[in-house]
Amino acid sequence: DTAAAVELGAWMSESIRPKRGDRRDWYVIDSPRKGVLTAALRGQ
């Protein structure tokens, strides 16, 4: 319920820092039409 909105086709940069309380990052998107959502994650 505090997820960041996704912009289709744009890279988003964030980090995971468990020792600082940053354990998970949530994102949300509403599908524009019927189709297939694809997600690519590129970590350090």
All heavy atoms as atom14 arrays in JSON, in Angstrom:
{
  "sequence": "DTAAAVELGAWMSESIRPKRGDRRDWYVIDSPRKGVLTAALRGQ",
  "atom14_mask": [
    [1, 1, 1, 1, 1, 1, 1, 1, 0, 0, 0, 0, 0, 0],
    [1, 1, 1, 1, 1, 1, 1, 0, 0, 0, 0, 0, 0, 0],
    [1, 1, 1, 1, 1, 0, 0, 0, 0, 0, 0, 0, 0, 0],
    [1, 1, 1, 1, 1, 0, 0, 0, 0, 0, 0, 0, 0, 0],
    [1, 1, 1, 1, 1, 0, 0, 0, 0, 0, 0, 0, 0, 0],
    [1, 1, 1, 1, 1, 1, 1, 0, 0, 0, 0, 0, 0, 0],
    [1, 1, 1, 1, 1, 1, 1, 1, 1, 0, 0, 0, 0, 0],
    [1, 1, 1, 1, 1, 1, 1, 1, 0, 0, 0, 0, 0, 0],
    [1, 1, 1, 1, 0, 0, 0, 0, 0, 0, 0, 0, 0, 0],
    [1, 1, 1, 1, 1, 0, 0, 0, 0, 0, 0, 0, 0, 0],
    [1, 1, 1, 1, 1, 1, 1, 1, 1, 1, 1, 1, 1, 1],
    [1, 1, 1, 1, 1, 1, 1, 1, 0, 0, 0, 0, 0, 0],
    [1, 1, 1, 1, 1, 1, 0, 0, 0, 0, 0, 0, 0, 0],
    [1, 1, 1, 1, 1, 1, 1, 1, 1, 0, 0, 0, 0, 0],
    [1, 1, 1, 1, 1, 1, 0, 0, 0, 0, 0, 0, 0, 0],
    [1, 1, 1, 1, 1, 1, 1, 1, 0, 0, 0, 0, 0, 0],
    [1, 1, 1, 1, 1, 1, 1, 1, 1, 1, 1, 0, 0, 0],
    [1, 1, 1, 1, 1, 1, 1, 0, 0, 0, 0, 0, 0, 0],
    [1, 1, 1, 1, 1, 1, 1, 1, 1, 0, 0, 0, 0, 0],
    [1, 1, 1, 1, 1, 1, 1, 1, 1, 1, 1, 0, 0, 0],
    [1, 1, 1, 1, 0, 0, 0, 0, 0, 0, 0, 0, 0, 0],
    [1, 1, 1, 1, 1, 1, 1, 1, 0, 0, 0, 0, 0, 0],
    [1, 1, 1, 1, 1, 1, 1, 1, 1, 1, 1, 0, 0, 0],
    [1, 1, 1, 1, 1, 1, 1, 1, 1, 1, 1, 0, 0, 0],
    [1, 1, 1, 1, 1, 1, 1, 1, 0, 0, 0, 0, 0, 0],
    [1, 1, 1, 1, 1, 1, 1, 1, 1, 1, 1, 1, 1, 1],
    [1, 1, 1, 1, 1, 1, 1, 1, 1, 1, 1, 1, 0, 0],
    [1, 1, 1, 1, 1, 1, 1, 0, 0, 0, 0, 0, 0, 0],
    [1, 1, 1, 1, 1, 1, 1, 1, 0, 0, 0, 0, 0, 0],
    [1, 1, 1, 1, 1, 1, 1, 1, 0, 0, 0, 0, 0, 0],
    [1, 1, 1, 1, 1, 1, 0, 0, 0, 0, 0, 0, 0, 0],
    [1, 1, 1, 1, 1, 1, 1, 0, 0, 0, 0, 0, 0, 0],
    [1, 1, 1, 1, 1, 1, 1, 1, 1, 1, 1, 0, 0, 0],
    [1, 1, 1, 1, 1, 1, 1, 1, 1, 0, 0, 0, 0, 0],
    [1, 1, 1, 1, 0, 0, 0, 0, 0, 0, 0, 0, 0, 0],
    [1, 1, 1, 1, 1, 1, 1, 0, 0, 0, 0, 0, 0, 0],
    [1, 1, 1, 1, 1, 1, 1, 1, 0, 0, 0, 0, 0, 0],
    [1, 1, 1, 1, 1, 1, 1, 0, 0, 0, 0, 0, 0, 0],
    [1, 1, 1, 1, 1, 0, 0, 0, 0, 0, 0, 0, 0, 0],
    [1, 1, 1, 1, 1, 0, 0, 0, 0, 0, 0, 0, 0, 0],
    [1, 1, 1, 1, 1, 1, 1, 1, 0, 0, 0, 0, 0, 0],
    [1, 1, 1, 1, 1, 1, 1, 1, 1, 1, 1, 0, 0, 0],
    [1, 1, 1, 1, 0, 0, 0, 0, 0, 0, 0, 0, 0, 0],
    [1, 1, 1, 1, 1, 1, 1, 1, 1, 0, 0, 0, 0, 0]
  ],
  "atom14_positions": [
    [[0.8, -1.22, 0.0], [0.0, 0.0, 0.0], [0.84, 1.28, 0.0], [0.29, 2.38, -0.02], [-1.0, 0.01, 1.16], [-0.34, -0.24, 2.5], [0.91, -0.3, 2.56], [-1.07, -0.4, 3.49], [0.0, 0.0, 0.0], [0.0, 0.0, 0.0], [0.0, 0.0, 0.0], [0.0, 0.0, 0.0], [0.0, 0.0, 0.0], [0.0, 0.0, 0.0]],
    [[2.17, 1.14, 0.02], [3.05, 2.3, -0.16], [3.95, 2.1, -1.38], [5.01, 2.73, -1.48], [3.92, 2.54, 1.09], [4.75, 1.39, 1.34], [3.05, 2.8, 2.31], [0.0, 0.0, 0.0], [0.0, 0.0, 0.0], [0.0, 0.0, 0.0], [0.0, 0.0, 0.0], [0.0, 0.0, 0.0], [0.0, 0.0, 0.0], [0.0, 0.0, 0.0]],
    [[3.53, 1.23, -2.29], [4.34, 0.89, -3.46], [4.54, 2.1, -4.37], [3.66, 2.96, -4.49], [3.68, -0.24, -4.24], [0.0, 0.0, 0.0], [0.0, 0.0, 0.0], [0.0, 0.0, 0.0], [0.0, 0.0, 0.0], [0.0, 0.0, 0.0], [0.0, 0.0, 0.0], [0.0, 0.0, 0.0], [0.0, 0.0, 0.0], [0.0, 0.0, 0.0]],
    [[5.69, 2.15, -5.02], [5.99, 3.22, -5.98], [5.35, 2.89, -7.33], [5.35, 1.73, -7.76], [7.49, 3.38, -6.14], [0.0, 0.0, 0.0], [0.0, 0.0, 0.0], [0.0, 0.0, 0.0], [0.0, 0.0, 0.0], [0.0, 0.0, 0.0], [0.0, 0.0, 0.0], [0.0, 0.0, 0.0], [0.0, 0.0, 0.0], [0.0, 0.0, 0.0]],
    [[4.81, 3.9, -7.99], [4.2, 3.7, -9.29], [5.27, 3.41, -10.34], [6.35, 4.0, -10.32], [3.38, 4.92, -9.69], [0.0, 0.0, 0.0], [0.0, 0.0, 0.0], [0.0, 0.0, 0.0], [0.0, 0.0, 0.0], [0.0, 0.0, 0.0], [0.0, 0.0, 0.0], [0.0, 0.0, 0.0], [0.0, 0.0, 0.0], [0.0, 0.0, 0.0]],
    [[4.95, 2.49, -11.25], [5.88, 2.1, -12.31], [5.59, 2.9, -13.57], [4.43, 3.08, -13.96], [5.75, 0.59, -12.62], [6.48, 0.23, -13.91], [6.28, -0.23, -11.46], [0.0, 0.0, 0.0], [0.0, 0.0, 0.0], [0.0, 0.0, 0.0], [0.0, 0.0, 0.0], [0.0, 0.0, 0.0], [0.0, 0.0, 0.0], [0.0, 0.0, 0.0]],
    [[6.64, 3.39, -14.21], [6.53, 4.02, -15.52], [7.02, 3.02, -16.56], [8.19, 2.62, -16.54], [7.36, 5.3, -15.59], [7.25, 6.01, -16.94], [8.1, 7.26, -17.02], [8.63, 7.68, -15.95], [8.26, 7.8, -18.12], [0.0, 0.0, 0.0], [0.0, 0.0, 0.0], [0.0, 0.0, 0.0], [0.0, 0.0, 0.0], [0.0, 0.0, 0.0]],
    [[6.13, 2.59, -17.43], [6.49, 1.59, -18.42], [7.67, 2.04, -19.28], [7.72, 3.18, -19.73], [5.3, 1.28, -19.32], [4.21, 0.37, -18.74], [3.02, 0.29, -19.68], [4.76, -1.02, -18.45], [0.0, 0.0, 0.0], [0.0, 0.0, 0.0], [0.0, 0.0, 0.0], [0.0, 0.0, 0.0], [0.0, 0.0, 0.0], [0.0, 0.0, 0.0]],
    [[8.61, 1.13, -19.47], [9.73, 1.39, -20.36], [10.83, 2.25, -19.78], [11.78, 2.6, -20.5], [0.0, 0.0, 0.0], [0.0, 0.0, 0.0], [0.0, 0.0, 0.0], [0.0, 0.0, 0.0], [0.0, 0.0, 0.0], [0.0, 0.0, 0.0], [0.0, 0.0, 0.0], [0.0, 0.0, 0.0], [0.0, 0.0, 0.0], [0.0, 0.0, 0.0]],
    [[10.77, 2.59, -18.51], [11.79, 3.45, -17.89], [12.52, 2.69, -16.79], [11.89, 2.04, -15.94], [11.15, 4.71, -17.32], [0.0, 0.0, 0.0], [0.0, 0.0, 0.0], [0.0, 0.0, 0.0], [0.0, 0.0, 0.0], [0.0, 0.0, 0.0], [0.0, 0.0, 0.0], [0.0, 0.0, 0.0], [0.0, 0.0, 0.0], [0.0, 0.0, 0.0]],
    [[13.84, 2.74, -16.79], [14.62, 2.11, -15.73], [14.43, 2.88, -14.43], [14.47, 4.11, -14.41], [16.1, 2.09, -16.1], [16.47, 1.03, -17.09], [16.7, 1.19, -18.41], [16.65, -0.36, -16.82], [17.02, 0.0, -19.0], [17.0, -0.98, -18.04], [16.57, -1.15, -15.66], [17.26, -2.35, -18.14], [16.83, -2.51, -15.76], [17.17, -3.1, -16.98]],
    [[14.25, 2.15, -13.34], [14.15, 2.73, -12.01], [15.32, 2.21, -11.19], [15.63, 1.02, -11.21], [12.82, 2.34, -11.36], [11.61, 2.88, -12.09], [10.07, 2.13, -11.49], [10.24, 0.46, -12.14], [0.0, 0.0, 0.0], [0.0, 0.0, 0.0], [0.0, 0.0, 0.0], [0.0, 0.0, 0.0], [0.0, 0.0, 0.0], [0.0, 0.0, 0.0]],
    [[15.98, 3.08, -10.46], [17.14, 2.71, -9.65], [16.81, 2.83, -8.17], [16.27, 3.85, -7.72], [18.33, 3.62, -9.98], [18.72, 3.48, -11.33], [0.0, 0.0, 0.0], [0.0, 0.0, 0.0], [0.0, 0.0, 0.0], [0.0, 0.0, 0.0], [0.0, 0.0, 0.0], [0.0, 0.0, 0.0], [0.0, 0.0, 0.0], [0.0, 0.0, 0.0]],
    [[17.11, 1.77, -7.42], [16.86, 1.75, -5.97], [17.91, 0.85, -5.32], [18.84, 0.39, -5.97], [15.45, 1.24, -5.67], [14.43, 2.35, -5.42], [14.71, 3.14, -4.15], [15.55, 2.69, -3.35], [14.1, 4.19, -3.98], [0.0, 0.0, 0.0], [0.0, 0.0, 0.0], [0.0, 0.0, 0.0], [0.0, 0.0, 0.0], [0.0, 0.0, 0.0]],
    [[17.73, 0.59, -4.04], [18.67, -0.25, -3.32], [17.94, -1.01, -2.21], [16.84, -0.62, -1.79], [19.8, 0.58, -2.72], [19.28, 1.51, -1.77], [0.0, 0.0, 0.0], [0.0, 0.0, 0.0], [0.0, 0.0, 0.0], [0.0, 0.0, 0.0], [0.0, 0.0, 0.0], [0.0, 0.0, 0.0], [0.0, 0.0, 0.0], [0.0, 0.0, 0.0]],
    [[18.55, -2.1, -1.77], [18.09, -2.87, -0.62], [19.15, -2.74, 0.46], [20.33, -3.03, 0.23], [17.88, -4.36, -0.99], [16.75, -4.5, -2.02], [17.58, -5.19, 0.25], [15.37, -4.15, -1.5], [0.0, 0.0, 0.0], [0.0, 0.0, 0.0], [0.0, 0.0, 0.0], [0.0, 0.0, 0.0], [0.0, 0.0, 0.0], [0.0, 0.0, 0.0]],
    [[18.74, -2.3, 1.66], [19.68, -2.1, 2.77], [19.04, -2.64, 4.07], [18.52, -1.88, 4.88], [20.01, -0.61, 2.94], [20.74, 0.02, 1.76], [22.19, -0.44, 1.69], [22.97, 0.3, 0.71], [23.1, -0.04, -0.56], [22.49, -1.14, -1.0], [23.83, 0.68, -1.39], [0.0, 0.0, 0.0], [0.0, 0.0, 0.0], [0.0, 0.0, 0.0]],
    [[19.07, -3.95, 4.27], [18.4, -4.54, 5.45], [18.84, -3.97, 6.79], [18.01, -3.8, 7.69], [18.76, -6.03, 5.33], [19.02, -6.25, 3.88], [19.66, -4.97, 3.41], [0.0, 0.0, 0.0], [0.0, 0.0, 0.0], [0.0, 0.0, 0.0], [0.0, 0.0, 0.0], [0.0, 0.0, 0.0], [0.0, 0.0, 0.0], [0.0, 0.0, 0.0]],
    [[20.11, -3.64, 6.95], [20.58, -3.14, 8.24], [20.0, -1.76, 8.56], [20.01, -1.35, 9.73], [22.11, -3.07, 8.25], [22.78, -4.44, 8.29], [24.28, -4.32, 8.43], [24.94, -5.68, 8.52], [26.41, -5.58, 8.67], [0.0, 0.0, 0.0], [0.0, 0.0, 0.0], [0.0, 0.0, 0.0], [0.0, 0.0, 0.0], [0.0, 0.0, 0.0]],
    [[19.5, -1.09, 7.54], [18.85, 0.22, 7.75], [17.33, 0.09, 7.77], [16.62, 1.1, 7.75], [19.27, 1.19, 6.65], [20.77, 1.39, 6.54], [21.09, 2.3, 5.36], [22.53, 2.33, 5.07], [23.06, 2.94, 4.02], [22.27, 3.57, 3.16], [24.36, 2.92, 3.82], [0.0, 0.0, 0.0], [0.0, 0.0, 0.0], [0.0, 0.0, 0.0]],
    [[16.82, -1.12, 7.77], [15.38, -1.34, 7.77], [14.77, -1.39, 6.38], [13.55, -1.51, 6.25], [0.0, 0.0, 0.0], [0.0, 0.0, 0.0], [0.0, 0.0, 0.0], [0.0, 0.0, 0.0], [0.0, 0.0, 0.0], [0.0, 0.0, 0.0], [0.0, 0.0, 0.0], [0.0, 0.0, 0.0], [0.0, 0.0, 0.0], [0.0, 0.0, 0.0]],
    [[15.59, -1.3, 5.33], [15.11, -1.34, 3.95], [15.24, -2.78, 3.44], [16.28, -3.16, 2.89], [15.93, -0.38, 3.09], [15.48, -0.37, 1.64], [14.41, -0.95, 1.33], [16.2, 0.2, 0.8], [0.0, 0.0, 0.0], [0.0, 0.0, 0.0], [0.0, 0.0, 0.0], [0.0, 0.0, 0.0], [0.0, 0.0, 0.0], [0.0, 0.0, 0.0]],
    [[14.2, -3.58, 3.63], [14.27, -5.0, 3.33], [13.57, -5.4, 2.04], [13.94, -6.37, 1.4], [13.65, -5.8, 4.48], [14.45, -5.7, 5.77], [13.72, -6.38, 6.92], [14.58, -6.51, 8.08], [14.78, -5.55, 8.97], [14.17, -4.39, 8.82], [15.58, -5.73, 9.99], [0.0, 0.0, 0.0], [0.0, 0.0, 0.0], [0.0, 0.0, 0.0]],
    [[12.53, -4.67, 1.67], [11.77, -4.98, 0.46], [11.37, -3.69, -0.23], [11.09, -2.68, 0.43], [10.49, -5.76, 0.78], [10.65, -7.05, 1.57], [9.27, -7.63, 1.84], [9.31, -8.91, 2.51], [8.93, -9.11, 3.76], [8.53, -8.08, 4.49], [8.96, -10.32, 4.3], [0.0, 0.0, 0.0], [0.0, 0.0, 0.0], [0.0, 0.0, 0.0]],
    [[11.31, -3.72, -1.55], [10.79, -2.59, -2.31], [9.61, -3.08, -3.15], [9.73, -4.06, -3.89], [11.87, -2.01, -3.24], [12.94, -1.24, -2.48], [12.7, -0.88, -1.32], [14.03, -1.03, -3.05], [0.0, 0.0, 0.0], [0.0, 0.0, 0.0], [0.0, 0.0, 0.0], [0.0, 0.0, 0.0], [0.0, 0.0, 0.0], [0.0, 0.0, 0.0]],
    [[8.48, -2.39, -3.02], [7.27, -2.74, -3.75], [6.99, -1.7, -4.82], [7.2, -0.49, -4.62], [6.08, -2.82, -2.8], [6.02, -4.06, -1.98], [6.68, -4.3, -0.81], [5.25, -5.23, -2.25], [6.38, -5.54, -0.34], [5.5, -6.14, -1.2], [4.38, -5.6, -3.27], [4.89, -7.4, -1.14], [3.78, -6.85, -3.21], [4.04, -7.74, -2.16]],
    [[6.48, -2.19, -5.95], [6.08, -1.33, -7.07], [4.7, -1.77, -7.55], [4.29, -2.93, -7.35], [7.09, -1.44, -8.22], [8.49, -1.03, -7.84], [9.39, -1.95, -7.32], [8.92, 0.29, -7.98], [10.68, -1.58, -6.95], [10.19, 0.67, -7.62], [11.07, -0.26, -7.1], [12.33, 0.12, -6.74], [0.0, 0.0, 0.0], [0.0, 0.0, 0.0]],
    [[3.97, -0.85, -8.18], [2.62, -1.17, -8.63], [2.38, -0.55, -10.0], [2.9, 0.53, -10.33], [1.57, -0.66, -7.62], [1.61, 0.87, -7.49], [0.17, -1.13, -8.0], [0.0, 0.0, 0.0], [0.0, 0.0, 0.0], [0.0, 0.0, 0.0], [0.0, 0.0, 0.0], [0.0, 0.0, 0.0], [0.0, 0.0, 0.0], [0.0, 0.0, 0.0]],
    [[1.59, -1.26, -10.81], [1.23, -0.76, -12.14], [-0.14, -1.32, -12.52], [-0.47, -2.46, -12.18], [2.28, -1.16, -13.2], [1.96, -0.52, -14.54], [2.44, -2.67, -13.3], [3.05, -0.67, -15.57], [0.0, 0.0, 0.0], [0.0, 0.0, 0.0], [0.0, 0.0, 0.0], [0.0, 0.0, 0.0], [0.0, 0.0, 0.0], [0.0, 0.0, 0.0]],
    [[-0.93, -0.51, -13.21], [-2.2, -0.96, -13.77], [-2.0, -1.23, -15.25], [-1.53, -0.36, -16.0], [-3.28, 0.11, -13.58], [-3.63, 0.31, -12.11], [-3.59, -0.67, -11.36], [-3.94, 1.45, -11.73], [0.0, 0.0, 0.0], [0.0, 0.0, 0.0], [0.0, 0.0, 0.0], [0.0, 0.0, 0.0], [0.0, 0.0, 0.0], [0.0, 0.0, 0.0]],
    [[-2.34, -2.43, -15.66], [-2.13, -2.81, -17.06], [-2.93, -1.92, -17.99], [-4.14, -1.75, -17.8], [-2.54, -4.27, -17.26], [-2.53, -4.6, -18.62], [0.0, 0.0, 0.0], [0.0, 0.0, 0.0], [0.0, 0.0, 0.0], [0.0, 0.0, 0.0], [0.0, 0.0, 0.0], [0.0, 0.0, 0.0], [0.0, 0.0, 0.0], [0.0, 0.0, 0.0]],
    [[-2.31, -1.33, -19.02], [-3.04, -0.45, -19.93], [-4.03, -1.19, -20.82], [-5.07, -0.65, -21.2], [-1.93, 0.21, -20.76], [-0.81, -0.78, -20.72], [-0.87, -1.42, -19.37], [0.0, 0.0, 0.0], [0.0, 0.0, 0.0], [0.0, 0.0, 0.0], [0.0, 0.0, 0.0], [0.0, 0.0, 0.0], [0.0, 0.0, 0.0], [0.0, 0.0, 0.0]],
    [[-3.7, -2.43, -21.14], [-4.56, -3.24, -22.01], [-4.31, -4.71, -21.7], [-3.46, -5.05, -20.88], [-4.24, -2.96, -23.49], [-4.65, -1.57, -23.97], [-4.14, -1.26, -25.36], [-2.69, -1.25, -25.42], [-1.93, -0.23, -25.03], [-2.49, 0.85, -24.54], [-0.61, -0.3, -25.13], [0.0, 0.0, 0.0], [0.0, 0.0, 0.0], [0.0, 0.0, 0.0]],
    [[-5.02, -5.58, -22.39], [-4.76, -7.01, -22.28], [-3.41, -7.3, -22.94], [-3.11, -6.8, -24.02], [-5.86, -7.8, -22.97], [-5.66, -9.31, -22.94], [-6.76, -10.02, -23.68], [-6.52, -11.54, -23.69], [-7.58, -12.26, -24.45], [0.0, 0.0, 0.0], [0.0, 0.0, 0.0], [0.0, 0.0, 0.0], [0.0, 0.0, 0.0], [0.0, 0.0, 0.0]],
    [[-2.58, -8.1, -22.26], [-1.28, -8.41, -22.83], [-0.38, -9.11, -21.83], [-0.86, -9.85, -20.96], [0.0, 0.0, 0.0], [0.0, 0.0, 0.0], [0.0, 0.0, 0.0], [0.0, 0.0, 0.0], [0.0, 0.0, 0.0], [0.0, 0.0, 0.0], [0.0, 0.0, 0.0], [0.0, 0.0, 0.0], [0.0, 0.0, 0.0], [0.0, 0.0, 0.0]],
    [[0.92, -8.85, -21.94], [1.91, -9.48, -21.09], [2.82, -8.42, -20.48], [3.4, -7.6, -21.21], [2.77, -10.49, -21.88], [3.83, -11.12, -20.98], [1.9, -11.57, -22.5], [0.0, 0.0, 0.0], [0.0, 0.0, 0.0], [0.0, 0.0, 0.0], [0.0, 0.0, 0.0], [0.0, 0.0, 0.0], [0.0, 0.0, 0.0], [0.0, 0.0, 0.0]],
    [[2.9, -8.41, -19.18], [3.85, -7.55, -18.48], [5.18, -8.29, -18.36], [5.21, -9.48, -18.02], [3.36, -7.18, -17.09], [2.36, -6.02, -16.97], [1.97, -5.83, -15.52], [2.94, -4.73, -17.53], [0.0, 0.0, 0.0], [0.0, 0.0, 0.0], [0.0, 0.0, 0.0], [0.0, 0.0, 0.0], [0.0, 0.0, 0.0], [0.0, 0.0, 0.0]],
    [[6.26, -7.6, -18.63], [7.6, -8.18, -18.49], [8.4, -7.3, -17.54], [8.32, -6.07, -17.6], [8.32, -8.27, -19.84], [8.52, -6.96, -20.37], [7.49, -9.08, -20.83], [0.0, 0.0, 0.0], [0.0, 0.0, 0.0], [0.0, 0.0, 0.0], [0.0, 0.0, 0.0], [0.0, 0.0, 0.0], [0.0, 0.0, 0.0], [0.0, 0.0, 0.0]],
    [[9.16, -7.92, -16.67], [9.98, -7.18, -15.71], [11.4, -7.72, -15.74], [11.61, -8.94, -15.76], [9.4, -7.3, -14.31], [0.0, 0.0, 0.0], [0.0, 0.0, 0.0], [0.0, 0.0, 0.0], [0.0, 0.0, 0.0], [0.0, 0.0, 0.0], [0.0, 0.0, 0.0], [0.0, 0.0, 0.0], [0.0, 0.0, 0.0], [0.0, 0.0, 0.0]],
    [[12.37, -6.81, -15.77], [13.78, -7.18, -15.77], [14.45, -6.51, -14.57], [14.35, -5.29, -14.39], [14.46, -6.75, -17.06], [0.0, 0.0, 0.0], [0.0, 0.0, 0.0], [0.0, 0.0, 0.0], [0.0, 0.0, 0.0], [0.0, 0.0, 0.0], [0.0, 0.0, 0.0], [0.0, 0.0, 0.0], [0.0, 0.0, 0.0], [0.0, 0.0, 0.0]],
    [[15.14, -7.3, -13.76], [15.85, -6.82, -12.58], [17.35, -6.99, -12.82], [17.8, -8.08, -13.2], [15.41, -7.6, -11.35], [16.11, -7.29, -10.03], [15.78, -5.87, -9.57], [15.72, -8.3, -8.96], [0.0, 0.0, 0.0], [0.0, 0.0, 0.0], [0.0, 0.0, 0.0], [0.0, 0.0, 0.0], [0.0, 0.0, 0.0], [0.0, 0.0, 0.0]],
    [[18.1, -5.93, -12.6], [19.55, -5.98, -12.77], [20.19, -5.5, -11.47], [20.21, -4.31, -11.16], [19.99, -5.1, -13.95], [19.48, -5.6, -15.29], [20.11, -6.94, -15.64], [19.63, -7.5, -16.9], [18.66, -8.41, -16.99], [18.05, -8.84, -15.89], [18.3, -8.88, -18.17], [0.0, 0.0, 0.0], [0.0, 0.0, 0.0], [0.0, 0.0, 0.0]],
    [[20.72, -6.46, -10.69], [21.28, -6.14, -9.39], [22.77, -5.99, -9.39], [23.46, -6.38, -10.34], [0.0, 0.0, 0.0], [0.0, 0.0, 0.0], [0.0, 0.0, 0.0], [0.0, 0.0, 0.0], [0.0, 0.0, 0.0], [0.0, 0.0, 0.0], [0.0, 0.0, 0.0], [0.0, 0.0, 0.0], [0.0, 0.0, 0.0], [0.0, 0.0, 0.0]],
    [[23.26, -5.42, -8.34], [24.69, -5.22, -8.15], [25.4, -6.57, -8.11], [24.89, -7.55, -7.57], [24.9, -4.47, -6.84], [26.33, -4.12, -6.51], [26.38, -3.32, -5.21], [25.57, -2.45, -4.96], [27.37, -3.64, -4.38], [0.0, 0.0, 0.0], [0.0, 0.0, 0.0], [0.0, 0.0, 0.0], [0.0, 0.0, 0.0], [0.0, 0.0, 0.0]]
  ]
}
